[in-house]
Amino acid sequence: MKLRMFLAATALVAAAGTAHAAGYSVRAECGSQARCFPTIQAALDASAKDDSGTWVTVDVAPGHYHEKLTISRPKTRVVGHGADTTRIEFNEVAQTAGHYHRSNWGTPGSATVTVDADEIDISGVTIENSYDFLANDVLPAGDPKKISNSQGVAFLADIHSDRVRLLNTSLIGNQDTLFANGKRVLIRKSFISGNIDFIFGNGEVLIEDSTIESRRRATPFVTGEFQSFVTAPSTPLAQEIGIVIYRSRLTREAGVPDGSVALGRPWHPTTTFADGRYADPNAVGQASFIDDYMDAHIRNDHWTEMGGTARDGSKTAKFQPQDSRFFESGSSGPGGAHSDIGIKWTGKPDIGHIHAVFFDGWTAAAK
């Protein structure tokens, strides 16, 4: 029954990506072609004027697009001609990107592509934040040129986003590559790379049949410590699903040492409450790794702690993986074996149940 529900939902999602009422093109030379634009954002802005409520498609020709994009129209499909030929790139970093965000928050402000709408399909493109993270990472602490806010988001699913699908797409960055700050994001047959907390946030993310590549750091690796982290969920306690990575491969680029990377750590974001500003105690991160291959860069502890803001405003709070909702099953490969570190959470998510919950309401309306 669960499998039938999942297959039906998947078929409906696929149908949503193919039905559309209007097409827009992005080309270096448009000539007399109607609804053709030299930049992707210009095509998105034009498509946003279509208030028919039906799907629109923006077809992006092969090329390198140095653009910072926002997709705000529901039922928009962005189609490239392959992740190896259609590249969207920008090089903003959190330290200087606050002015792009409604609350002057530099991390989401740094995003190369922001989705802030329901029912968005993106396929056949590379989305990259090309900020030179390593040049900053190599600087010693105390160097006046070193910045502290080195997050560079490639893809942001913002607060109004839901039913966002990425297929055959590459997301490339270093720290904070994929920020899930809305509802549901489905990623299939894709590639995601980064080093520090590079898949993170409070949204629901389902990644299937994809490659998750850990990138190297410029700082020296200290044996016995974690140098990088794949996930950093901040899932609200009332939300069942956080970040799920299913039937995927966890690989590494050259230079990433054995035993240097954690599957995840719990992010409790600093939040303003009536009695002060401190780490959100109800952001009890949920992450699941199910039937994944893991190379030897994954350390056998698999999970680790994360710091946060204490009630007195200091950065002294520590949040432990044992108190989070972390789970894995069916791990294989050199990094698949793991130590029992005493995770207290007793939930044992089944992929059939995850599919049923995740795809609930994800249906194809009339186009």
Protein backbone atom coordinates (compact mmCIF):
# COMPACT_ATOMS: atom_id res chain seq x y z
CA MET A 1 0.00 0.00 0.00
CA LYS A 2 2.77 2.43 0.95
CA LEU A 3 4.66 1.60 -2.24
CA ARG A 4 1.55 2.25 -4.35
CA MET A 5 1.03 5.61 -2.60
CA PHE A 6 4.66 6.55 -3.26
CA LEU A 7 4.56 5.54 -6.92
CA ALA A 8 1.30 7.41 -7.45
CA ALA A 9 2.72 10.54 -5.81
CA THR A 10 5.90 10.28 -7.85
CA ALA A 11 3.94 10.01 -11.08
CA LEU A 12 1.91 13.07 -10.16
CA VAL A 13 5.04 15.04 -9.34
CA ALA A 14 6.52 14.06 -12.70
CA ALA A 15 3.34 15.09 -14.46
CA ALA A 16 3.48 18.45 -12.73
CA GLY A 17 6.91 18.99 -14.20
CA THR A 18 5.85 18.36 -17.78
CA ALA A 19 2.54 20.20 -18.06
CA HIS A 20 2.83 23.93 -18.72
CA ALA A 21 0.97 26.73 -20.44
CA ALA A 22 3.80 29.03 -21.49
CA GLY A 23 7.46 28.76 -22.42
CA TYR A 24 10.31 31.23 -21.98
CA SER A 25 13.83 30.92 -23.33
CA VAL A 26 17.23 32.12 -22.17
CA ARG A 27 19.76 32.55 -24.98
CA ALA A 28 22.82 34.68 -25.60
CA GLU A 29 21.30 35.68 -28.95
CA CYS A 30 17.50 35.74 -29.20
CA GLY A 31 17.08 37.36 -32.59
CA SER A 32 13.35 37.72 -33.26
CA GLN A 33 12.38 34.86 -30.94
CA ALA A 34 9.46 35.81 -28.71
CA ARG A 35 9.71 35.45 -24.95
CA CYS A 36 13.47 35.03 -25.18
CA PHE A 37 15.83 36.78 -22.75
CA PRO A 38 19.59 37.13 -22.30
CA THR A 39 19.48 36.40 -18.55
CA ILE A 40 17.67 33.81 -16.46
CA GLN A 41 16.31 36.37 -14.00
CA ALA A 42 14.81 38.41 -16.84
CA ALA A 43 12.97 35.30 -18.04
CA LEU A 44 11.81 34.52 -14.48
CA ASP A 45 10.57 38.09 -14.04
CA ALA A 46 8.63 37.90 -17.30
CA SER A 47 7.12 34.53 -16.40
CA ALA A 48 6.04 35.90 -13.01
CA LYS A 49 3.59 38.17 -14.83
CA ASP A 50 1.69 35.09 -16.00
CA ASP A 51 -1.13 34.84 -13.46
CA SER A 52 -2.93 31.94 -15.17
CA GLY A 53 -2.10 29.55 -12.35
CA THR A 54 -0.70 27.03 -14.83
CA TRP A 55 2.87 25.81 -15.17
CA VAL A 56 5.45 27.87 -17.04
CA THR A 57 8.78 26.61 -18.31
CA VAL A 58 12.03 28.56 -18.54
CA ASP A 59 14.38 26.79 -20.95
CA VAL A 60 18.01 27.74 -20.27
CA ALA A 61 20.53 27.20 -23.07
CA PRO A 62 23.98 25.79 -22.33
CA GLY A 63 26.31 28.40 -20.93
CA HIS A 64 27.79 30.01 -17.84
CA TYR A 65 25.35 32.37 -16.11
CA HIS A 66 26.86 34.63 -13.45
CA GLU A 67 23.55 35.44 -11.77
CA LYS A 68 21.90 35.56 -8.36
CA LEU A 69 18.38 34.25 -8.91
CA THR A 70 15.05 34.30 -7.08
CA ILE A 71 12.17 32.08 -8.18
CA SER A 72 8.97 33.42 -6.64
CA ARG A 73 6.23 32.29 -9.05
CA PRO A 74 4.48 29.00 -8.15
CA LYS A 75 4.43 26.30 -10.81
CA THR A 76 7.68 27.30 -12.45
CA ARG A 77 9.95 24.86 -14.20
CA VAL A 78 13.60 25.75 -14.93
CA VAL A 79 15.16 23.38 -17.43
CA GLY A 80 18.83 23.34 -18.37
CA HIS A 81 20.57 21.21 -20.96
CA GLY A 82 22.66 19.19 -18.55
CA ALA A 83 24.55 19.93 -15.35
CA ASP A 84 27.83 19.74 -17.26
CA THR A 85 26.81 22.44 -19.78
CA THR A 86 24.34 24.78 -18.03
CA ARG A 87 25.95 26.49 -15.03
CA ILE A 88 24.45 29.13 -12.75
CA GLU A 89 27.11 30.67 -10.52
CA PHE A 90 27.52 33.52 -8.06
CA ASN A 91 30.17 34.22 -5.42
CA GLU A 92 28.47 35.92 -2.49
CA VAL A 93 29.33 35.10 1.15
CA ALA A 94 27.42 35.60 4.41
CA GLN A 95 29.87 38.21 5.71
CA THR A 96 28.71 40.69 3.07
CA ALA A 97 25.34 39.31 1.91
CA GLY A 98 22.98 40.54 4.62
CA HIS A 99 21.56 43.30 2.42
CA TYR A 100 20.08 40.65 0.12
CA HIS A 101 17.88 39.24 2.90
CA ARG A 102 14.69 40.65 4.42
CA SER A 103 16.13 40.34 7.96
CA ASN A 104 19.72 41.21 7.03
CA TRP A 105 20.75 37.57 7.59
CA GLY A 106 23.85 36.91 5.56
CA THR A 107 23.63 33.11 5.29
CA PRO A 108 20.41 32.94 3.21
CA GLY A 109 21.36 36.25 1.62
CA SER A 110 24.41 34.56 0.08
CA ALA A 111 22.35 32.04 -1.95
CA THR A 112 23.02 31.76 -5.66
CA VAL A 113 19.48 30.48 -6.29
CA THR A 114 16.56 31.17 -3.94
CA VAL A 115 13.23 29.40 -4.32
CA ASP A 116 10.36 31.02 -2.42
CA ALA A 117 7.27 29.44 -3.97
CA ASP A 118 5.23 26.24 -4.13
CA GLU A 119 5.66 23.65 -6.90
CA ILE A 120 9.01 24.37 -8.48
CA ASP A 121 10.91 21.99 -10.76
CA ILE A 122 14.60 22.46 -11.59
CA SER A 123 16.51 20.06 -13.80
CA GLY A 124 19.67 19.77 -15.87
CA VAL A 125 21.68 22.60 -14.31
CA THR A 126 24.61 23.23 -11.99
CA ILE A 127 24.01 25.75 -9.22
CA GLU A 128 27.21 26.91 -7.57
CA ASN A 129 28.34 29.34 -4.91
CA SER A 130 31.87 30.06 -6.08
CA TYR A 131 33.06 32.08 -3.08
CA ASP A 132 36.73 31.18 -2.46
CA PHE A 133 36.18 29.42 0.84
CA LEU A 134 39.60 27.77 0.88
CA ALA A 135 41.45 31.09 0.59
CA ASN A 136 39.74 32.22 3.78
CA ASP A 137 39.96 28.82 5.48
CA VAL A 138 43.74 28.72 5.18
CA LEU A 139 44.20 32.00 7.06
CA PRO A 140 45.19 31.52 10.71
CA ALA A 141 42.92 32.65 13.52
CA GLY A 142 43.57 36.28 14.32
CA ASP A 143 44.55 37.22 10.80
CA PRO A 144 42.76 40.54 10.11
CA LYS A 145 41.84 39.35 6.62
CA LYS A 146 40.06 36.24 7.86
CA ILE A 147 36.26 36.51 7.98
CA SER A 148 34.15 34.60 10.48
CA ASN A 149 30.95 34.33 8.45
CA SER A 150 32.20 32.19 5.57
CA GLN A 151 28.88 30.52 4.69
CA GLY A 152 28.18 30.50 0.98
CA VAL A 153 24.80 28.99 0.08
CA ALA A 154 24.28 27.61 -3.42
CA PHE A 155 20.58 26.74 -3.11
CA LEU A 156 18.04 28.16 -0.65
CA ALA A 157 14.52 26.78 -0.27
CA ASP A 158 13.05 29.79 1.51
CA ILE A 159 10.15 30.09 3.95
CA HIS A 160 7.32 30.03 1.36
CA SER A 161 8.73 27.09 -0.58
CA ASP A 162 7.11 23.67 -0.80
CA ARG A 163 7.04 20.79 -3.29
CA VAL A 164 10.38 21.77 -4.77
CA ARG A 165 11.96 19.12 -6.99
CA LEU A 166 15.55 18.98 -8.27
CA LEU A 167 16.44 16.33 -10.84
CA ASN A 168 19.79 15.69 -12.55
CA THR A 169 21.14 18.83 -10.93
CA SER A 170 24.44 19.68 -9.21
CA LEU A 171 24.65 21.88 -6.11
CA ILE A 172 28.23 22.96 -5.49
CA GLY A 173 29.61 24.91 -2.56
CA ASN A 174 31.68 24.59 0.58
CA GLN A 175 30.05 25.70 3.83
CA ASP A 176 26.21 25.59 3.84
CA THR A 177 25.65 24.52 0.21
CA LEU A 178 21.96 23.55 0.58
CA PHE A 179 19.76 25.50 3.02
CA ALA A 180 16.30 24.02 3.57
CA ASN A 181 14.36 26.82 5.26
CA GLY A 182 10.87 26.05 3.95
CA LYS A 183 8.83 22.87 3.60
CA ARG A 184 9.60 19.98 1.22
CA VAL A 185 12.52 19.56 -1.17
CA LEU A 186 12.92 16.40 -3.27
CA ILE A 187 16.31 15.78 -4.89
CA ARG A 188 16.88 12.84 -7.22
CA LYS A 189 19.78 11.64 -9.38
CA SER A 190 21.80 14.70 -8.46
CA PHE A 191 25.15 15.76 -7.01
CA ILE A 192 25.72 17.83 -3.87
CA SER A 193 29.15 18.91 -2.61
CA GLY A 194 30.48 20.86 0.34
CA ASN A 195 32.35 20.57 3.61
CA ILE A 196 30.85 22.29 6.69
CA ASP A 197 27.14 21.56 7.41
CA PHE A 198 26.52 21.55 3.69
CA ILE A 199 22.99 20.12 3.87
CA PHE A 200 21.19 21.93 6.66
CA GLY A 201 18.05 23.63 7.92
CA ASN A 202 14.59 23.04 9.35
CA GLY A 203 12.80 21.89 6.18
CA GLU A 204 12.02 18.40 4.94
CA VAL A 205 14.63 17.20 2.47
CA LEU A 206 14.47 13.83 0.71
CA ILE A 207 17.60 13.00 -1.31
CA GLU A 208 17.51 9.81 -3.36
CA ASP A 209 19.89 8.04 -5.78
CA SER A 210 22.39 10.87 -5.60
CA THR A 211 26.06 11.55 -4.84
CA ILE A 212 27.00 13.52 -1.72
CA GLU A 213 30.63 14.62 -2.02
CA SER A 214 32.64 15.96 0.92
CA ARG A 215 35.15 18.60 -0.15
CA ARG A 216 38.53 19.27 1.41
CA ARG A 217 39.39 21.94 3.96
CA ALA A 218 42.46 24.14 3.89
CA THR A 219 43.01 23.85 7.64
CA PRO A 220 45.19 20.95 8.80
CA PHE A 221 43.35 17.82 9.90
CA VAL A 222 43.85 16.77 13.51
CA THR A 223 43.46 13.02 13.90
CA GLY A 224 40.58 12.17 16.21
CA GLU A 225 38.66 15.36 15.45
CA PHE A 226 35.92 16.05 12.93
CA GLN A 227 36.94 18.41 10.15
CA SER A 228 33.66 18.52 8.24
CA PHE A 229 29.97 17.66 8.60
CA VAL A 230 27.50 16.47 5.97
CA THR A 231 24.24 17.55 7.64
CA ALA A 232 23.13 20.02 10.31
CA PRO A 233 19.36 19.66 10.79
CA SER A 234 17.36 22.09 12.92
CA THR A 235 14.09 20.20 12.57
CA PRO A 236 11.22 21.52 14.74
CA LEU A 237 10.30 18.97 17.38
CA ALA A 238 6.72 18.79 16.06
CA GLN A 239 7.97 17.87 12.56
CA GLU A 240 8.50 14.17 11.90
CA ILE A 241 10.91 14.34 8.98
CA GLY A 242 14.08 16.38 8.62
CA ILE A 243 16.89 15.43 6.23
CA VAL A 244 16.67 11.96 4.66
CA ILE A 245 19.42 10.60 2.42
CA TYR A 246 18.35 7.36 0.78
CA ARG A 247 20.13 4.95 -1.54
CA SER A 248 22.91 7.44 -2.24
CA ARG A 249 26.71 7.51 -2.27
CA LEU A 250 28.77 9.50 0.21
CA THR A 251 32.08 10.17 -1.56
CA ARG A 252 34.98 12.59 -1.17
CA GLU A 253 37.21 14.69 -3.35
CA ALA A 254 40.98 14.29 -3.29
CA GLY A 255 42.54 15.54 -0.07
CA VAL A 256 39.74 14.64 2.34
CA PRO A 257 41.35 12.43 5.02
CA ASP A 258 40.02 9.13 6.30
CA GLY A 259 37.84 9.41 9.39
CA SER A 260 37.48 13.19 9.18
CA VAL A 261 33.79 13.71 8.41
CA ALA A 262 30.60 13.33 10.49
CA LEU A 263 27.24 12.40 9.03
CA GLY A 264 25.71 15.23 11.01
CA ARG A 265 25.48 17.44 14.06
CA PRO A 266 22.47 19.14 15.70
CA TRP A 267 21.93 22.80 14.83
CA HIS A 268 19.88 24.77 17.34
CA PRO A 269 19.66 28.20 15.67
CA THR A 270 19.85 31.32 17.78
CA THR A 271 16.26 32.56 18.12
CA THR A 272 14.55 35.51 19.78
CA PHE A 273 12.12 34.54 22.56
CA ALA A 274 10.16 36.60 25.09
CA ASP A 275 12.84 35.99 27.71
CA GLY A 276 15.89 36.50 25.53
CA ARG A 277 17.81 35.37 22.49
CA TYR A 278 19.35 31.91 22.62
CA ALA A 279 19.52 28.53 20.87
CA ASP A 280 16.08 27.12 20.08
CA PRO A 281 15.54 24.14 22.43
CA ASN A 282 12.75 22.79 20.21
CA ALA A 283 14.92 22.52 17.10
CA VAL A 284 15.72 18.87 17.73
CA GLY A 285 17.37 17.89 14.48
CA GLN A 286 16.19 14.82 12.56
CA ALA A 287 18.44 13.15 10.00
CA SER A 288 18.25 9.66 8.50
CA PHE A 289 20.72 7.81 6.30
CA ILE A 290 19.13 4.71 4.77
CA ASP A 291 20.83 2.18 2.46
CA ASP A 292 23.74 4.49 1.63
CA TYR A 293 27.32 3.76 0.55
CA MET A 294 29.92 5.59 2.65
CA ASP A 295 33.60 5.98 1.79
CA ALA A 296 36.35 5.92 4.41
CA HIS A 297 36.19 9.66 5.09
CA ILE A 298 33.17 9.00 7.34
CA ARG A 299 34.43 8.51 10.89
CA ASN A 300 33.02 5.53 12.75
CA ASP A 301 31.35 7.69 15.43
CA HIS A 302 29.24 9.07 12.55
CA TRP A 303 27.63 11.87 14.62
CA THR A 304 28.99 14.69 16.75
CA GLU A 305 28.04 17.68 18.91
CA MET A 306 27.45 21.28 17.90
CA GLY A 307 27.80 24.53 19.81
CA GLY A 308 25.12 27.16 20.22
CA THR A 309 24.05 30.31 22.05
CA ALA A 310 23.42 29.92 25.78
CA ARG A 311 20.68 31.83 27.60
CA ASP A 312 23.25 34.35 28.85
CA GLY A 313 24.15 35.17 25.25
CA SER A 314 27.53 33.43 25.29
CA LYS A 315 28.48 30.80 22.72
CA THR A 316 28.94 28.15 25.38
CA ALA A 317 25.94 25.87 24.85
CA LYS A 318 26.68 22.35 23.61
CA PHE A 319 24.11 20.12 21.91
CA GLN A 320 24.81 16.41 21.78
CA PRO A 321 23.94 13.91 19.07
CA GLN A 322 22.64 11.56 21.74
CA ASP A 323 19.78 14.00 22.37
CA SER A 324 18.93 14.41 18.68
CA ARG A 325 16.80 12.38 16.28
CA PHE A 326 19.57 10.73 14.29
CA PHE A 327 19.14 7.38 12.55
CA GLU A 328 20.81 5.14 10.00
CA SER A 329 20.30 1.70 8.57
CA GLY A 330 21.75 -0.35 5.75
CA SER A 331 25.01 1.64 5.58
CA SER A 332 27.75 0.01 3.48
CA GLY A 333 31.25 0.75 2.28
CA PRO A 334 34.47 1.53 4.18
CA GLY A 335 32.71 4.18 6.28
CA GLY A 336 29.52 2.25 6.84
CA ALA A 337 30.46 0.57 10.11
CA HIS A 338 29.71 2.75 13.12
CA SER A 339 30.20 2.90 16.85
CA ASP A 340 27.28 2.92 19.27
CA ILE A 341 27.51 6.40 20.78
CA GLY A 342 24.27 6.08 22.72
CA ILE A 343 21.68 7.83 20.57
CA LYS A 344 18.60 7.98 22.82
CA TRP A 345 15.96 8.51 20.15
CA THR A 346 13.94 5.34 19.65
CA GLY A 347 12.35 6.23 16.31
CA LYS A 348 13.20 3.84 13.49
CA PRO A 349 12.02 5.52 10.28
CA ASP A 350 10.99 3.18 7.49
CA ILE A 351 11.47 4.52 3.96
CA GLY A 352 7.92 3.51 3.03
CA HIS A 353 6.55 5.55 5.92
CA ILE A 354 8.85 8.45 5.05
CA HIS A 355 7.55 8.44 1.47
CA ALA A 356 3.93 8.36 2.63
CA VAL A 357 4.43 11.33 4.96
CA PHE A 358 6.67 13.31 2.62
CA PHE A 359 4.43 13.01 -0.45
CA ASP A 360 1.16 13.59 1.38
CA GLY A 361 -0.69 16.28 -0.59
CA TRP A 362 1.98 16.41 -3.29
CA THR A 363 -0.52 15.99 -6.15
CA ALA A 364 -0.85 17.43 -9.61
CA ALA A 365 -3.55 20.07 -9.75
CA ALA A 366 -5.18 21.01 -13.09
CA LYS A 367 -2.66 22.74 -15.32
